[in-house]
Amino acid sequence: MTEQPRNGDEQPEDLTAAPADGSTPEVPVPDVPQPAEPDVPSTPEPAVPVVPGTPTPEVPVPNVPTPAVPTDPDGPVLPEAPKPTETTAGSGHATEEPGETTAEPGHATEEPGETTAESGGATEQAPATPRPTPRAGPTPAAAAPAPAAAAAPEPSDPSQWGRVDDDGTVWVRTADGERSVGSYPGAEAAEALAYFGRKFDELAGQVSLLEQRVVAGGVSLQDAQTSIEHLREAVTDANAVGDLAGLLARLDELTKGVAARKARREAERAKTRERAAQTKDRIATEAESLAESTDWKRTGDRLRELLDEWKAAPRLDRKTDDALWKRFSHARTAFDKRRRAHFAELDEQRGEAAVRKEKLVKEAEALASSKEWGETAKRFRELMAQWKAAGRARRDVEDQLWQRFRAAQDTFFSARNEVFAARDADLAVNLEKKRALLVEAEALLPVTDPRSARSALRSIHDRWEAAGHVPRGDRDAVEGRLRKVDEAVRAAEEAAWARSNPEARARAEATVTQLRSSIAALEAEAAGARSSGNEKKAAEAEAAAATRATWLAEAEKTLAEFS
């Protein structure tokens, strides 16, 4: 079976669409997936997931005063991410598990694997292992320059969403109540809130970047959904101060948009699959209708066009695609087998025709030099009839054999025509003699004396034969003119014999007498019927008498010719 042609992989959906606010969308960035960062136990806060395929955006830092570097080398403490068993919602105080190290006022305690973010400031968790290097690929800058409209979002105001206790503990207000996000002892409340506000701005920047990429179509729907889930987890447990519920609401809207696009894409794909199924079913049906065709050239061309249409059509699910392909391939195979068998048989017939025509050519070449003009010309006509009945050989062989056969014919008939041309020149004199005899014969018309006309015509015939042959082209004309004179004389002789024949005269007289008697009897019968009142019988008798009167007129005319 012919192998089914395979199409290329389906391309991801084009997600390009204008933002709802009318701003210029960010140019799509090539999708370079980043491996997930490993979870580090006992760290102050979970690592923020990176949007797959994009570099971590640089989030603008709010313009806040830089805190004074504390004299103590340790910085403020960032507690571990709250766990269900660690923090009581709404209590306003973080509950420490046994074994935790409590930071003294003015000192920051570093967990293993942590690095100090700012000298003398709050400490941030760093991965215990270095981040894997992304796969090689074009950088966002190389792929497309960022548009000028993709400006960084404005920094948030953390004072609207959090507060700082006297001991430096920072709290964020959520829909479920306050939650501790860390501590910054020894610093002003505004400075502590600004620090955790910058962490919120980082998350907000990642959400904004993802929104731009989704709107601009720079990320696949699957990767977008994965990034949304990662960001949702990061925002839900984020150690940051800001409108976390607003970020979650934006992520919810983004989820709805991705879901709507998935639904549209699936609907479009369903329509595409339906159209492709209809197209391929039409192709298979038409191919099946052509499987028994004997129009080899046109059908072969059409099947090749159908194969091109099949290759251009989108792929279906494997079961449906394979079933339709089997129908299409079976029809093509059946036609191809029949065509091969036909041409194999045709080649065999052409070989036999070539053998037969080779024999005819050899005989024609042997007859080319014959001087038996009549017999040889007749044989050449028979050879031509056999040539037509022998069938056609292969084109090149047929042309070669025909050239040889035609050359033999031309050789013979050219020689014969030359001989006949010389003979026709000698027969021109005979033609003139016969034309003179025709003038003499045609002068006998019209024939008034059949006996003298016959005698004169006999003398003309003797001299006609003595004149000899005339050119072939003039033979029928001169002989036809003499034949007309012969027929006129013969008709005159027959008429004269009829007039002098006593038996014919007696038969004519008897016919006239019989018709006259019959007419008289019918007239008497009609008179008697009318007198008796039988008009129908009288009319029939009168009609019969009228018919016989016509016959009587013809008989009397014939009888008059014998007078």
Protein backbone atom coordinates (compact mmCIF):
# COMPACT_ATOMS: atom_id res chain seq x y z
CA MET A 1 0.00 0.00 0.00
CA THR A 2 1.22 3.45 -0.76
CA GLU A 3 2.49 5.17 2.36
CA GLN A 4 0.34 8.00 3.57
CA PRO A 5 1.94 11.43 3.23
CA ARG A 6 2.46 13.14 6.58
CA ASN A 7 1.76 16.80 7.16
CA GLY A 8 3.85 19.01 9.36
CA ASP A 9 3.03 19.47 13.03
CA GLU A 10 0.21 21.81 13.73
CA GLN A 11 1.34 25.33 14.48
CA PRO A 12 0.37 26.88 17.83
CA GLU A 13 -2.54 29.23 17.74
CA ASP A 14 -1.84 32.87 16.95
CA LEU A 15 -2.84 34.67 20.06
CA THR A 16 -2.23 38.16 18.73
CA ALA A 17 -4.97 40.53 19.84
CA ALA A 18 -5.14 44.17 20.79
CA PRO A 19 -5.26 44.94 24.55
CA ALA A 20 -8.65 45.90 25.87
CA ASP A 21 -7.37 49.29 27.01
CA GLY A 22 -6.16 50.21 23.51
CA SER A 23 -2.47 50.29 24.45
CA THR A 24 0.24 49.00 22.17
CA PRO A 25 0.87 45.30 22.92
CA GLU A 26 4.29 44.09 23.82
CA VAL A 27 6.17 42.39 21.00
CA PRO A 28 6.09 38.58 21.49
CA VAL A 29 9.18 37.13 23.15
CA PRO A 30 10.45 33.72 22.04
CA ASP A 31 9.28 30.96 24.31
CA VAL A 32 12.32 29.58 26.22
CA PRO A 33 10.99 27.38 29.02
CA GLN A 34 12.82 27.69 32.36
CA PRO A 35 13.16 24.67 34.65
CA ALA A 36 11.32 24.96 37.93
CA GLU A 37 13.44 26.05 40.87
CA PRO A 38 13.87 23.44 43.58
CA ASP A 39 12.06 23.92 46.86
CA VAL A 40 14.43 24.81 49.70
CA PRO A 41 13.18 23.75 53.12
CA SER A 42 13.12 26.15 56.06
CA THR A 43 13.49 29.25 53.90
CA PRO A 44 11.88 32.55 54.83
CA GLU A 45 9.58 32.61 51.77
CA PRO A 46 8.94 30.47 48.63
CA ALA A 47 10.80 31.40 45.47
CA VAL A 48 8.67 33.34 42.98
CA PRO A 49 8.18 31.15 39.92
CA VAL A 50 9.58 32.47 36.70
CA VAL A 51 7.19 32.73 33.73
CA PRO A 52 8.22 29.88 31.39
CA GLY A 53 10.23 31.07 28.44
CA THR A 54 10.80 34.64 29.64
CA PRO A 55 13.57 36.32 31.61
CA THR A 56 12.73 37.73 34.99
CA PRO A 57 11.60 41.30 34.41
CA GLU A 58 13.36 44.16 36.04
CA VAL A 59 10.75 45.71 38.33
CA PRO A 60 11.25 49.41 39.03
CA VAL A 61 12.09 50.06 42.64
CA PRO A 62 9.97 52.73 44.31
CA ASN A 63 11.84 55.91 45.07
CA VAL A 64 12.16 55.52 48.86
CA PRO A 65 14.99 56.65 51.08
CA THR A 66 17.78 54.14 51.49
CA PRO A 67 17.83 52.93 55.09
CA ALA A 68 20.87 53.59 57.19
CA VAL A 69 23.25 50.68 57.39
CA PRO A 70 22.95 49.25 60.88
CA THR A 71 26.09 48.80 62.88
CA ASP A 72 25.09 45.25 63.64
CA PRO A 73 26.25 43.01 60.76
CA ASP A 74 23.00 41.13 60.86
CA GLY A 75 19.95 42.58 59.17
CA PRO A 76 16.24 42.31 59.86
CA VAL A 77 14.72 38.88 59.95
CA LEU A 78 12.40 37.46 57.23
CA PRO A 79 10.37 34.68 58.82
CA GLU A 80 9.58 31.46 57.02
CA ALA A 81 6.51 31.36 54.82
CA PRO A 82 3.50 30.84 57.05
CA LYS A 83 2.13 27.30 57.21
CA PRO A 84 -1.31 26.21 58.38
CA THR A 85 0.21 24.98 61.65
CA GLU A 86 2.54 27.92 62.02
CA THR A 87 0.40 31.08 61.80
CA THR A 88 -3.04 31.64 63.25
CA ALA A 89 -5.02 33.85 60.82
CA GLY A 90 -6.22 37.05 62.36
CA SER A 91 -4.21 36.63 65.55
CA GLY A 92 -1.89 39.42 64.63
CA HIS A 93 1.13 37.46 65.93
CA ALA A 94 3.31 34.84 64.28
CA THR A 95 3.58 31.58 66.19
CA GLU A 96 7.03 30.08 66.13
CA GLU A 97 7.55 26.37 65.98
CA PRO A 98 9.91 24.79 68.53
CA GLY A 99 13.45 24.92 67.33
CA GLU A 100 13.15 28.20 65.47
CA THR A 101 15.80 30.79 65.99
CA THR A 102 14.34 34.04 67.25
CA ALA A 103 16.08 37.13 66.05
CA GLU A 104 17.17 39.57 68.64
CA PRO A 105 16.13 43.16 68.17
CA GLY A 106 18.34 44.81 65.66
CA HIS A 107 19.79 41.56 64.35
CA ALA A 108 18.87 39.42 61.35
CA THR A 109 19.15 35.64 61.53
CA GLU A 110 20.20 33.94 58.29
CA GLU A 111 18.98 30.48 57.42
CA PRO A 112 21.44 28.12 55.69
CA GLY A 113 21.57 28.98 52.02
CA GLU A 114 20.41 32.56 52.47
CA THR A 115 22.35 35.56 51.20
CA THR A 116 22.08 39.12 52.36
CA ALA A 117 20.27 41.24 49.75
CA GLU A 118 21.15 44.64 51.14
CA SER A 119 24.03 45.37 53.42
CA GLY A 120 22.46 46.12 56.75
CA GLY A 121 18.89 45.74 55.37
CA ALA A 122 16.28 43.00 55.27
CA THR A 123 17.47 39.62 54.14
CA GLU A 124 15.90 37.72 51.24
CA GLN A 125 15.93 34.03 50.53
CA ALA A 126 18.16 32.83 47.69
CA PRO A 127 18.04 29.39 46.14
CA ALA A 128 20.23 26.85 47.79
CA THR A 129 21.29 25.71 44.31
CA PRO A 130 22.16 27.92 41.34
CA ARG A 131 19.40 28.42 38.75
CA PRO A 132 19.84 26.17 35.71
CA THR A 133 21.02 27.91 32.59
CA PRO A 134 18.16 28.31 30.06
CA ARG A 135 18.34 26.42 26.81
CA ALA A 136 20.06 28.18 23.99
CA GLY A 137 17.71 30.37 22.03
CA PRO A 138 17.21 33.90 20.84
CA THR A 139 17.11 36.47 23.59
CA PRO A 140 14.06 38.70 23.87
CA ALA A 141 16.05 41.62 22.59
CA ALA A 142 17.24 39.65 19.59
CA ALA A 143 13.76 38.34 18.84
CA ALA A 144 11.96 41.66 18.89
CA PRO A 145 12.68 45.03 20.50
CA ALA A 146 10.37 45.96 23.36
CA PRO A 147 7.82 48.57 22.29
CA ALA A 148 7.95 51.99 23.83
CA ALA A 149 4.36 51.60 25.08
CA ALA A 150 5.29 48.69 27.41
CA ALA A 151 6.16 51.00 30.31
CA ALA A 152 6.78 49.72 33.84
CA PRO A 153 3.78 49.90 36.19
CA GLU A 154 3.66 52.63 38.82
CA PRO A 155 4.97 51.58 42.28
CA SER A 156 2.23 50.74 44.78
CA ASP A 157 1.60 52.45 48.10
CA PRO A 158 2.21 49.76 50.73
CA SER A 159 0.88 51.96 53.56
CA GLN A 160 -2.66 51.34 52.24
CA TRP A 161 -2.29 47.56 52.57
CA GLY A 162 -0.09 46.94 55.63
CA ARG A 163 1.29 48.10 58.94
CA VAL A 164 4.38 47.61 61.10
CA ASP A 165 4.34 46.68 64.80
CA ASP A 166 6.58 48.33 67.32
CA ASP A 167 8.83 45.26 67.25
CA GLY A 168 9.30 45.56 63.45
CA THR A 169 6.83 42.84 62.44
CA VAL A 170 5.19 43.69 59.12
CA TRP A 171 1.56 42.77 58.46
CA VAL A 172 -0.49 42.78 55.26
CA ARG A 173 -4.28 43.18 55.16
CA THR A 174 -6.15 40.61 53.10
CA ALA A 175 -9.80 39.64 52.70
CA ASP A 176 -9.29 36.94 55.34
CA GLY A 177 -7.67 39.33 57.79
CA GLU A 178 -4.11 40.39 58.60
CA ARG A 179 -1.17 38.11 57.92
CA SER A 180 2.46 38.46 59.01
CA VAL A 181 4.87 38.69 56.12
CA GLY A 182 8.16 39.31 57.99
CA SER A 183 9.96 41.73 60.21
CA TYR A 184 12.33 44.65 59.82
CA PRO A 185 13.41 45.58 63.36
CA GLY A 186 15.38 48.74 63.93
CA ALA A 187 14.01 50.51 60.88
CA GLU A 188 11.33 53.08 60.32
CA ALA A 189 7.86 51.78 59.50
CA ALA A 190 7.89 53.47 56.10
CA GLU A 191 11.21 51.84 55.27
CA ALA A 192 9.95 48.39 56.30
CA LEU A 193 6.72 48.82 54.32
CA ALA A 194 8.68 50.08 51.32
CA TYR A 195 10.85 46.97 51.36
CA PHE A 196 7.88 44.60 51.36
CA GLY A 197 6.07 46.88 48.92
CA ARG A 198 8.92 46.39 46.46
CA LYS A 199 8.40 42.64 46.77
CA PHE A 200 4.74 43.21 45.88
CA ASP A 201 5.78 45.36 42.93
CA GLU A 202 7.96 42.54 41.70
CA LEU A 203 4.95 40.21 41.68
CA ALA A 204 2.77 42.88 40.07
CA GLY A 205 5.45 43.34 37.39
CA GLN A 206 5.44 39.62 36.65
CA VAL A 207 1.64 39.64 36.37
CA SER A 208 1.75 42.65 34.05
CA LEU A 209 4.43 41.04 31.90
CA LEU A 210 2.40 37.85 31.62
CA GLU A 211 -0.70 39.86 30.69
CA GLN A 212 1.22 41.62 27.95
CA ARG A 213 2.68 38.40 26.59
CA VAL A 214 -0.71 36.68 26.54
CA VAL A 215 -2.34 39.64 24.79
CA ALA A 216 0.52 39.89 22.28
CA GLY A 217 0.50 36.12 21.61
CA GLY A 218 4.07 35.67 22.75
CA VAL A 219 3.32 32.60 24.85
CA SER A 220 1.39 29.43 24.18
CA LEU A 221 -1.87 28.87 26.01
CA GLN A 222 -0.49 25.90 27.90
CA ASP A 223 2.57 27.81 29.11
CA ALA A 224 0.36 30.80 29.95
CA GLN A 225 -1.88 28.63 32.12
CA THR A 226 1.13 27.09 33.84
CA SER A 227 2.61 30.53 34.53
CA ILE A 228 -0.74 31.75 35.91
CA GLU A 229 -0.88 28.85 38.37
CA HIS A 230 2.69 29.46 39.49
CA LEU A 231 2.03 33.16 39.98
CA ARG A 232 -1.22 32.39 41.82
CA GLU A 233 0.68 30.21 44.29
CA ALA A 234 3.33 32.89 44.69
CA VAL A 235 0.78 35.68 45.24
CA THR A 236 -1.34 33.63 47.65
CA ASP A 237 1.57 33.05 50.08
CA ALA A 238 3.62 36.07 49.11
CA ASN A 239 5.64 37.83 51.83
CA ALA A 240 4.77 41.20 50.34
CA VAL A 241 2.58 44.19 51.15
CA GLY A 242 0.10 45.37 48.54
CA ASP A 243 -3.21 44.60 46.87
CA LEU A 244 -2.67 40.84 46.75
CA ALA A 245 -6.40 40.26 46.21
CA GLY A 246 -6.23 42.59 43.20
CA LEU A 247 -3.37 40.55 41.74
CA LEU A 248 -5.36 37.36 42.28
CA ALA A 249 -8.37 39.00 40.58
CA ARG A 250 -6.17 39.96 37.61
CA LEU A 251 -4.90 36.38 37.46
CA ASP A 252 -8.53 35.17 37.55
CA GLU A 253 -9.39 37.42 34.60
CA LEU A 254 -6.28 36.23 32.80
CA THR A 255 -7.36 32.63 33.45
CA LYS A 256 -10.80 33.37 31.98
CA GLY A 257 -9.20 34.96 28.91
CA VAL A 258 -6.90 31.97 28.36
CA ALA A 259 -9.85 29.59 28.84
CA ALA A 260 -11.92 31.56 26.33
CA ARG A 261 -9.08 31.46 23.84
CA LYS A 262 -8.69 27.73 24.39
CA ALA A 263 -12.40 27.29 23.77
CA ARG A 264 -12.21 29.37 20.58
CA ARG A 265 -9.15 27.48 19.46
CA GLU A 266 -10.83 24.13 20.10
CA ALA A 267 -13.93 25.31 18.22
CA GLU A 268 -11.78 26.47 15.31
CA ARG A 269 -9.86 23.21 15.36
CA ALA A 270 -13.14 21.27 15.42
CA LYS A 271 -14.35 23.21 12.39
CA THR A 272 -11.01 22.69 10.68
CA ARG A 273 -11.16 18.96 11.41
CA GLU A 274 -14.75 18.80 10.11
CA ARG A 275 -13.78 20.60 6.90
CA ALA A 276 -10.71 18.39 6.54
CA ALA A 277 -12.85 15.27 7.07
CA GLN A 278 -15.33 16.45 4.42
CA THR A 279 -12.47 17.27 2.04
CA LYS A 280 -10.76 13.92 2.49
CA ASP A 281 -14.05 12.01 2.25
CA ARG A 282 -14.77 13.84 -1.02
CA ILE A 283 -11.27 12.98 -2.27
CA ALA A 284 -11.68 9.31 -1.33
CA THR A 285 -15.18 9.14 -2.88
CA GLU A 286 -14.02 10.70 -6.15
CA ALA A 287 -11.00 8.40 -6.27
CA GLU A 288 -13.27 5.38 -5.78
CA SER A 289 -15.47 6.57 -8.66
CA LEU A 290 -12.38 6.78 -10.87
CA ALA A 291 -10.98 3.37 -9.95
CA GLU A 292 -12.75 1.63 -12.88
CA SER A 293 -12.07 4.37 -15.44
CA THR A 294 -10.35 3.51 -18.72
CA ASP A 295 -9.42 7.10 -19.54
CA TRP A 296 -5.88 6.39 -18.41
CA LYS A 297 -4.26 9.77 -19.09
CA ARG A 298 -6.99 12.04 -17.74
CA THR A 299 -7.78 9.84 -14.73
CA GLY A 300 -4.08 9.51 -13.82
CA ASP A 301 -3.71 13.29 -13.90
CA ARG A 302 -6.83 13.74 -11.76
CA LEU A 303 -5.63 11.24 -9.15
CA ARG A 304 -2.35 13.12 -8.87
CA GLU A 305 -4.30 16.34 -8.31
CA LEU A 306 -6.36 14.60 -5.61
CA LEU A 307 -3.14 13.43 -3.93
CA ASP A 308 -1.89 17.03 -3.84
CA GLU A 309 -5.21 18.10 -2.30
CA TRP A 310 -4.87 15.34 0.31
CA LYS A 311 -1.37 16.50 1.26
CA ALA A 312 -2.58 20.09 1.62
CA ALA A 313 -5.52 19.11 3.86
CA PRO A 314 -4.99 19.16 7.67
CA ARG A 315 -4.53 15.87 9.49
CA LEU A 316 -7.39 14.30 11.43
CA ASP A 317 -7.30 11.91 14.35
CA ARG A 318 -5.29 8.82 13.46
CA LYS A 319 -8.25 6.42 13.23
CA THR A 320 -10.33 8.62 10.91
CA ASP A 321 -7.33 9.73 8.86
CA ASP A 322 -6.11 6.16 8.36
CA ALA A 323 -9.58 4.92 7.38
CA LEU A 324 -10.00 7.64 4.75
CA TRP A 325 -6.43 7.15 3.52
CA LYS A 326 -7.04 3.42 3.09
CA ARG A 327 -10.07 4.17 0.88
CA PHE A 328 -8.14 6.70 -1.16
CA SER A 329 -5.02 4.54 -1.43
CA HIS A 330 -7.03 1.42 -2.34
CA ALA A 331 -8.79 3.29 -5.18
CA ARG A 332 -5.46 4.61 -6.51
CA THR A 333 -3.89 1.16 -6.26
CA ALA A 334 -6.82 -0.51 -8.05
CA PHE A 335 -6.65 2.00 -10.90
CA ASP A 336 -2.87 1.68 -11.12
CA LYS A 337 -3.06 -2.12 -11.31
CA ARG A 338 -5.67 -1.97 -14.07
CA ARG A 339 -3.64 0.61 -15.97
CA ARG A 340 -0.45 -1.45 -15.66
CA ALA A 341 -2.27 -4.57 -16.83
CA HIS A 342 -3.77 -2.66 -19.75
CA PHE A 343 -0.46 -1.29 -20.94
CA ALA A 344 1.26 -4.64 -20.43
CA GLU A 345 -1.35 -6.23 -22.68
CA LEU A 346 -1.05 -3.34 -25.09
CA ASP A 347 2.73 -3.78 -25.23
CA GLU A 348 2.22 -7.44 -26.05
CA GLN A 349 -0.25 -6.58 -28.81
CA ARG A 350 2.10 -3.95 -30.18
CA GLY A 351 4.91 -6.51 -30.28
CA GLU A 352 2.72 -8.89 -32.29
CA ALA A 353 1.66 -6.06 -34.60
CA ALA A 354 5.31 -5.18 -35.19
CA VAL A 355 6.07 -8.77 -36.21
CA ARG A 356 3.12 -8.86 -38.66
CA LYS A 357 4.00 -5.50 -40.17
CA GLU A 358 7.63 -6.50 -40.56
CA LYS A 359 6.48 -9.34 -42.83
CA LEU A 360 4.27 -6.96 -44.83
CA VAL A 361 7.18 -4.55 -45.25
CA LYS A 362 9.48 -7.27 -46.52
CA GLU A 363 6.92 -8.41 -49.11
CA ALA A 364 6.30 -4.81 -50.20
CA GLU A 365 10.04 -4.24 -50.61
CA ALA A 366 10.23 -7.41 -52.75
CA LEU A 367 7.40 -6.12 -55.00
CA ALA A 368 8.84 -2.64 -55.41
CA SER A 369 10.75 -3.56 -58.62
CA SER A 370 7.93 -5.59 -60.25
CA LYS A 371 6.86 -4.74 -63.80
CA GLU A 372 3.54 -6.58 -63.55
CA TRP A 373 1.63 -3.37 -63.12
CA GLY A 374 -1.88 -4.70 -62.75
CA GLU A 375 -1.20 -7.69 -60.51
CA THR A 376 1.35 -5.89 -58.37
CA ALA A 377 -0.92 -2.89 -57.87
CA LYS A 378 -3.68 -5.24 -56.78
CA ARG A 379 -1.31 -6.95 -54.32
CA PHE A 380 -0.23 -3.62 -52.88
CA ARG A 381 -3.87 -2.78 -52.19
CA GLU A 382 -4.24 -6.09 -50.35
CA LEU A 383 -1.08 -5.39 -48.33
CA MET A 384 -2.45 -1.99 -47.32
CA ALA A 385 -5.68 -3.59 -46.06
CA GLN A 386 -3.64 -6.12 -44.04
CA TRP A 387 -1.50 -3.27 -42.66
CA LYS A 388 -4.58 -1.46 -41.33
CA ALA A 389 -5.93 -4.67 -39.77
CA ALA A 390 -2.62 -5.58 -38.09
CA GLY A 391 -2.95 -2.98 -35.31
CA ARG A 392 -0.41 -0.43 -34.15
CA ALA A 393 3.10 -1.16 -32.94
CA ARG A 394 5.07 1.02 -30.55
CA ARG A 395 5.28 4.57 -31.90
CA ASP A 396 8.95 4.57 -32.86
CA VAL A 397 8.74 1.07 -34.39
CA GLU A 398 5.47 1.96 -36.16
CA ASP A 399 7.00 5.06 -37.74
CA GLN A 400 10.07 3.18 -38.93
CA LEU A 401 8.06 0.30 -40.47
CA TRP A 402 5.63 2.70 -42.16
CA GLN A 403 8.46 4.64 -43.76
CA ARG A 404 9.85 1.41 -45.26
CA PHE A 405 6.40 0.25 -46.43
CA ARG A 406 5.58 3.64 -47.93
CA ALA A 407 8.97 3.80 -49.67
CA ALA A 408 8.33 0.40 -51.35
CA GLN A 409 4.89 1.58 -52.52
CA ASP A 410 6.24 4.83 -53.86
CA THR A 411 8.99 3.03 -55.77
CA PHE A 412 6.53 0.73 -57.54
CA PHE A 413 3.83 3.28 -58.33
CA SER A 414 6.34 5.89 -59.46
CA ALA A 415 7.75 3.42 -61.98
CA ARG A 416 4.26 2.46 -63.11
CA ASN A 417 3.18 6.08 -63.50
CA GLU A 418 6.21 6.82 -65.66
CA VAL A 419 5.33 3.91 -67.99
CA PHE A 420 1.68 4.95 -68.11
CA ALA A 421 2.61 8.55 -68.82
CA ALA A 422 4.66 7.49 -71.86
CA ARG A 423 1.83 5.25 -72.99
CA ASP A 424 -0.74 8.06 -72.58
CA ALA A 425 1.32 10.25 -74.88
CA ASP A 426 1.06 7.60 -77.60
CA LEU A 427 -2.70 7.22 -77.02
CA ALA A 428 -3.46 10.91 -77.60
CA VAL A 429 -3.74 10.26 -81.37
CA ASN A 430 -6.23 7.44 -80.78
CA LEU A 431 -8.29 9.81 -78.63
CA GLU A 432 -8.60 12.29 -81.48
CA LYS A 433 -9.73 9.52 -83.85
CA LYS A 434 -12.45 8.37 -81.46
CA ARG A 435 -13.67 11.90 -80.89
CA ALA A 436 -14.14 12.23 -84.67
CA LEU A 437 -16.10 8.95 -84.73
CA LEU A 438 -18.30 10.27 -81.90
CA VAL A 439 -19.22 13.31 -83.98
CA GLU A 440 -20.24 10.98 -86.82
CA ALA A 441 -22.28 8.69 -84.52
CA GLU A 442 -24.10 11.53 -82.73
CA ALA A 443 -25.17 12.85 -86.17
CA LEU A 444 -27.51 9.80 -86.48
CA LEU A 445 -29.74 11.19 -83.73
CA PRO A 446 -32.67 11.41 -83.64
CA VAL A 447 -33.13 8.02 -85.37
CA THR A 448 -35.70 8.17 -88.18
CA ASP A 449 -34.66 5.04 -90.06
CA PRO A 450 -33.59 2.35 -87.61
CA ARG A 451 -32.24 0.00 -90.28
CA SER A 452 -29.91 2.57 -91.95
CA ALA A 453 -28.86 3.94 -88.53
CA ARG A 454 -27.85 0.46 -87.40
CA SER A 455 -25.79 -0.09 -90.54
CA ALA A 456 -23.95 3.22 -90.09
CA LEU A 457 -23.35 2.57 -86.42
CA ARG A 458 -21.89 -0.86 -87.20
CA SER A 459 -19.29 0.79 -89.45
CA ILE A 460 -18.46 3.31 -86.67
CA HIS A 461 -17.92 0.47 -84.18
CA ASP A 462 -15.47 -1.28 -86.50
CA ARG A 463 -13.39 1.87 -86.88
CA TRP A 464 -13.64 2.54 -83.10
CA GLU A 465 -12.03 -0.79 -82.26
CA ALA A 466 -9.37 -0.23 -84.89
CA ALA A 467 -8.42 3.13 -83.35
CA GLY A 468 -7.07 1.40 -80.24
CA HIS A 469 -6.83 2.52 -76.60
CA VAL A 470 -7.16 6.07 -75.36
CA PRO A 471 -5.67 7.64 -72.18
CA ARG A 472 -7.18 6.26 -68.98
CA GLY A 473 -8.59 9.59 -67.93
CA ASP A 474 -10.57 10.06 -71.17
CA ARG A 475 -11.77 6.49 -71.61
CA ASP A 476 -15.04 6.72 -69.68
CA ALA A 477 -16.08 9.99 -71.31
CA VAL A 478 -15.72 8.89 -74.95
CA GLU A 479 -17.18 5.43 -74.39
CA GLY A 480 -20.16 6.92 -72.55
CA ARG A 481 -21.02 9.17 -75.49
CA LEU A 482 -20.92 6.22 -77.95
CA ARG A 483 -23.06 4.14 -75.59
CA LYS A 484 -25.86 6.73 -75.69
CA VAL A 485 -26.01 6.51 -79.52
CA ASP A 486 -26.20 2.72 -79.32
CA GLU A 487 -29.13 2.88 -76.89
CA ALA A 488 -31.06 5.34 -79.09
CA VAL A 489 -30.69 3.13 -82.20
CA ARG A 490 -31.70 0.03 -80.20
CA ALA A 491 -34.85 1.77 -78.92
CA ALA A 492 -35.84 2.80 -82.43
CA GLU A 493 -35.41 -0.78 -83.65
CA GLU A 494 -37.60 -2.18 -80.87
CA ALA A 495 -40.34 0.34 -81.58
CA ALA A 496 -40.35 -0.54 -85.31
CA TRP A 497 -40.56 -4.25 -84.50
CA ALA A 498 -43.49 -3.68 -82.16
CA ARG A 499 -45.43 -1.87 -84.85
CA SER A 500 -44.94 -4.66 -87.40
CA ASN A 501 -45.77 -7.57 -85.06
CA PRO A 502 -49.17 -9.19 -86.13
CA GLU A 503 -49.57 -11.02 -82.81
CA ALA A 504 -49.26 -7.83 -80.83
CA ARG A 505 -51.80 -6.12 -83.15
CA ALA A 506 -54.27 -8.99 -82.64
CA ARG A 507 -53.89 -8.79 -78.85
CA ALA A 508 -54.49 -5.05 -78.96
CA GLU A 509 -57.66 -5.46 -81.05
CA ALA A 510 -59.01 -8.16 -78.72
CA THR A 511 -58.39 -5.95 -75.68
CA VAL A 512 -60.27 -3.03 -77.26
CA THR A 513 -63.25 -5.25 -78.17
CA GLN A 514 -63.41 -6.79 -74.68
CA LEU A 515 -63.29 -3.41 -72.93
CA ARG A 516 -66.03 -1.95 -75.15
CA SER A 517 -68.32 -4.94 -74.42
CA SER A 518 -67.68 -4.69 -70.68
CA ILE A 519 -68.46 -0.97 -70.63
CA ALA A 520 -71.76 -1.50 -72.45
CA ALA A 521 -72.83 -4.21 -69.99
CA LEU A 522 -72.01 -2.02 -67.00
CA GLU A 523 -73.93 0.92 -68.40
CA ALA A 524 -77.01 -1.32 -68.92
CA GLU A 525 -76.69 -2.63 -65.37
CA ALA A 526 -76.54 0.90 -63.97
CA ALA A 527 -79.68 1.92 -65.94
CA GLY A 528 -81.64 -1.11 -64.70
CA ALA A 529 -80.61 -0.52 -61.05
CA ARG A 530 -81.59 3.12 -61.18
CA SER A 531 -84.99 2.29 -62.70
CA SER A 532 -85.61 -0.15 -59.86
CA GLY A 533 -84.61 2.51 -57.32
CA ASN A 534 -81.25 0.93 -56.29
CA GLU A 535 -79.03 3.99 -56.45
CA LYS A 536 -76.09 2.33 -54.70
CA LYS A 537 -75.83 -0.47 -57.24
CA ALA A 538 -76.28 1.99 -60.08
CA ALA A 539 -73.39 4.14 -58.73
CA GLU A 540 -71.08 1.11 -58.42
CA ALA A 541 -71.82 0.03 -62.01
CA GLU A 542 -71.20 3.52 -63.35
CA ALA A 543 -67.84 3.73 -61.48
CA ALA A 544 -66.71 0.39 -62.91
CA ALA A 545 -67.71 1.53 -66.41
CA ALA A 546 -65.68 4.74 -65.99
CA THR A 547 -62.57 2.78 -64.99
CA ARG A 548 -62.83 0.52 -68.02
CA ALA A 549 -63.31 3.56 -70.24
CA THR A 550 -59.85 4.76 -69.14
CA TRP A 551 -58.36 1.38 -69.97
CA LEU A 552 -60.11 1.44 -73.34
CA ALA A 553 -58.49 4.77 -74.22
CA GLU A 554 -55.00 3.36 -73.62
CA ALA A 555 -55.73 0.19 -75.58
CA GLU A 556 -57.06 2.19 -78.56
CA LYS A 557 -53.86 4.32 -78.49
CA THR A 558 -51.70 1.18 -78.64
CA LEU A 559 -53.78 -0.18 -81.48
CA ALA A 560 -53.37 3.08 -83.37
CA GLU A 561 -49.58 2.62 -83.34
CA PHE A 562 -49.93 -0.46 -85.55
CA SER A 563 -51.71 1.57 -88.29
